[in-house]
Amino acid sequence: CSWSFEEKLLKDEGFRKEYEYLEAEFQIIKEIIEARKDKNITQKELSDLTGITQGDISKIENGNANPSLKT
């Protein structure tokens, strides 16, 4: 069969629902990282510009944080 591993996993309804639930979060993380890199700034520089600690920016980019809308 020529299906990819991801395609096989997505056939499982439980996996697919969780994947779809988290997809928006992963897309936001990707956009944050890409925007920071497009501006050629470090996490520390972004921290200085936003007032969000560098550690928190790292957690956000790694998917290990649950920032509020205010953040």
C-alpha atoms as a PDB file:
ATOM      1  CA  CYS A   1       0.000   0.000   0.000  1.00  0.00           C
ATOM      2  CA  SER A   2       1.305   3.467  -0.809  1.00  0.00           C
ATOM      3  CA  TRP A   3      -0.345   5.266   2.137  1.00  0.00           C
ATOM      4  CA  SER A   4       1.868   7.382   4.351  1.00  0.00           C
ATOM      5  CA  PHE A   5       2.134   6.720   8.059  1.00  0.00           C
ATOM      6  CA  GLU A   6       0.063   9.859   8.734  1.00  0.00           C
ATOM      7  CA  GLU A   7      -2.680   8.705   6.361  1.00  0.00           C
ATOM      8  CA  LYS A   8      -2.831   5.364   8.180  1.00  0.00           C
ATOM      9  CA  LEU A   9      -3.099   7.102  11.556  1.00  0.00           C
ATOM     10  CA  LEU A  10      -5.813   9.451  10.300  1.00  0.00           C
ATOM     11  CA  LYS A  11      -7.977   6.419   9.473  1.00  0.00           C
ATOM     12  CA  ASP A  12      -8.315   5.882  13.235  1.00  0.00           C
ATOM     13  CA  GLU A  13     -11.296   8.043  14.270  1.00  0.00           C
ATOM     14  CA  GLY A  14      -9.935   8.835  17.756  1.00  0.00           C
ATOM     15  CA  PHE A  15      -6.558   9.858  16.385  1.00  0.00           C
ATOM     16  CA  ARG A  16      -8.156  11.903  13.596  1.00  0.00           C
ATOM     17  CA  LYS A  17     -10.376  13.834  16.010  1.00  0.00           C
ATOM     18  CA  GLU A  18      -7.441  14.672  18.293  1.00  0.00           C
ATOM     19  CA  TYR A  19      -5.316  15.643  15.274  1.00  0.00           C
ATOM     20  CA  GLU A  20      -8.037  17.956  13.992  1.00  0.00           C
ATOM     21  CA  TYR A  21      -8.524  19.422  17.471  1.00  0.00           C
ATOM     22  CA  LEU A  22      -4.821  20.286  17.774  1.00  0.00           C
ATOM     23  CA  GLU A  23      -4.260  21.314  14.148  1.00  0.00           C
ATOM     24  CA  ALA A  24      -5.182  24.976  14.715  1.00  0.00           C
ATOM     25  CA  GLU A  25      -2.818  25.195  17.694  1.00  0.00           C
ATOM     26  CA  PHE A  26       0.059  23.746  15.679  1.00  0.00           C
ATOM     27  CA  GLN A  27      -0.659  26.149  12.815  1.00  0.00           C
ATOM     28  CA  ILE A  28      -0.515  29.145  15.174  1.00  0.00           C
ATOM     29  CA  ILE A  29       2.782  27.918  16.622  1.00  0.00           C
ATOM     30  CA  LYS A  30       4.183  27.480  13.106  1.00  0.00           C
ATOM     31  CA  GLU A  31       3.085  31.008  12.135  1.00  0.00           C
ATOM     32  CA  ILE A  32       4.707  32.534  15.255  1.00  0.00           C
ATOM     33  CA  ILE A  33       8.006  30.790  14.551  1.00  0.00           C
ATOM     34  CA  GLU A  34       7.947  31.701  10.856  1.00  0.00           C
ATOM     35  CA  ALA A  35       7.120  35.357  11.585  1.00  0.00           C
ATOM     36  CA  ARG A  36       9.950  35.593  14.115  1.00  0.00           C
ATOM     37  CA  LYS A  37      12.412  34.007  11.697  1.00  0.00           C
ATOM     38  CA  ASP A  38      11.183  36.173   8.791  1.00  0.00           C
ATOM     39  CA  LYS A  39      11.977  39.225  10.927  1.00  0.00           C
ATOM     40  CA  ASN A  40      15.341  37.620  11.751  1.00  0.00           C
ATOM     41  CA  ILE A  41      14.922  38.071  15.494  1.00  0.00           C
ATOM     42  CA  THR A  42      15.737  35.751  18.360  1.00  0.00           C
ATOM     43  CA  GLN A  43      13.373  34.640  21.068  1.00  0.00           C
ATOM     44  CA  LYS A  44      15.186  37.059  23.392  1.00  0.00           C
ATOM     45  CA  GLU A  45      14.624  39.960  20.993  1.00  0.00           C
ATOM     46  CA  LEU A  46      10.960  39.021  20.688  1.00  0.00           C
ATOM     47  CA  SER A  47      10.827  38.914  24.474  1.00  0.00           C
ATOM     48  CA  ASP A  48      12.223  42.437  24.692  1.00  0.00           C
ATOM     49  CA  LEU A  49       9.681  43.669  22.124  1.00  0.00           C
ATOM     50  CA  THR A  50       6.639  42.007  23.673  1.00  0.00           C
ATOM     51  CA  GLY A  51       7.354  41.824  27.386  1.00  0.00           C
ATOM     52  CA  ILE A  52       6.791  38.060  27.298  1.00  0.00           C
ATOM     53  CA  THR A  53       9.683  36.226  28.896  1.00  0.00           C
ATOM     54  CA  GLN A  54      12.028  34.347  26.597  1.00  0.00           C
ATOM     55  CA  GLY A  55      11.242  31.185  28.524  1.00  0.00           C
ATOM     56  CA  ASP A  56       7.532  31.631  27.863  1.00  0.00           C
ATOM     57  CA  ILE A  57       8.172  32.274  24.170  1.00  0.00           C
ATOM     58  CA  SER A  58      10.184  29.066  24.046  1.00  0.00           C
ATOM     59  CA  LYS A  59       7.356  27.155  25.733  1.00  0.00           C
ATOM     60  CA  ILE A  60       4.824  28.598  23.276  1.00  0.00           C
ATOM     61  CA  GLU A  61       6.972  27.701  20.272  1.00  0.00           C
ATOM     62  CA  ASN A  62       7.499  24.172  21.594  1.00  0.00           C
ATOM     63  CA  GLY A  63       3.806  23.650  22.301  1.00  0.00           C
ATOM     64  CA  ASN A  64       4.416  23.417  26.046  1.00  0.00           C
ATOM     65  CA  ALA A  65       2.324  26.432  27.049  1.00  0.00           C
ATOM     66  CA  ASN A  66      -1.291  27.421  26.992  1.00  0.00           C
ATOM     67  CA  PRO A  67      -1.130  31.203  26.570  1.00  0.00           C
ATOM     68  CA  SER A  68      -4.172  33.344  27.083  1.00  0.00           C
ATOM     69  CA  LEU A  69      -5.649  35.424  24.275  1.00  0.00           C
ATOM     70  CA  LYS A  70      -4.165  38.463  26.012  1.00  0.00           C
ATOM     71  CA  THR A  71      -0.686  36.963  25.622  1.00  0.00           C
END
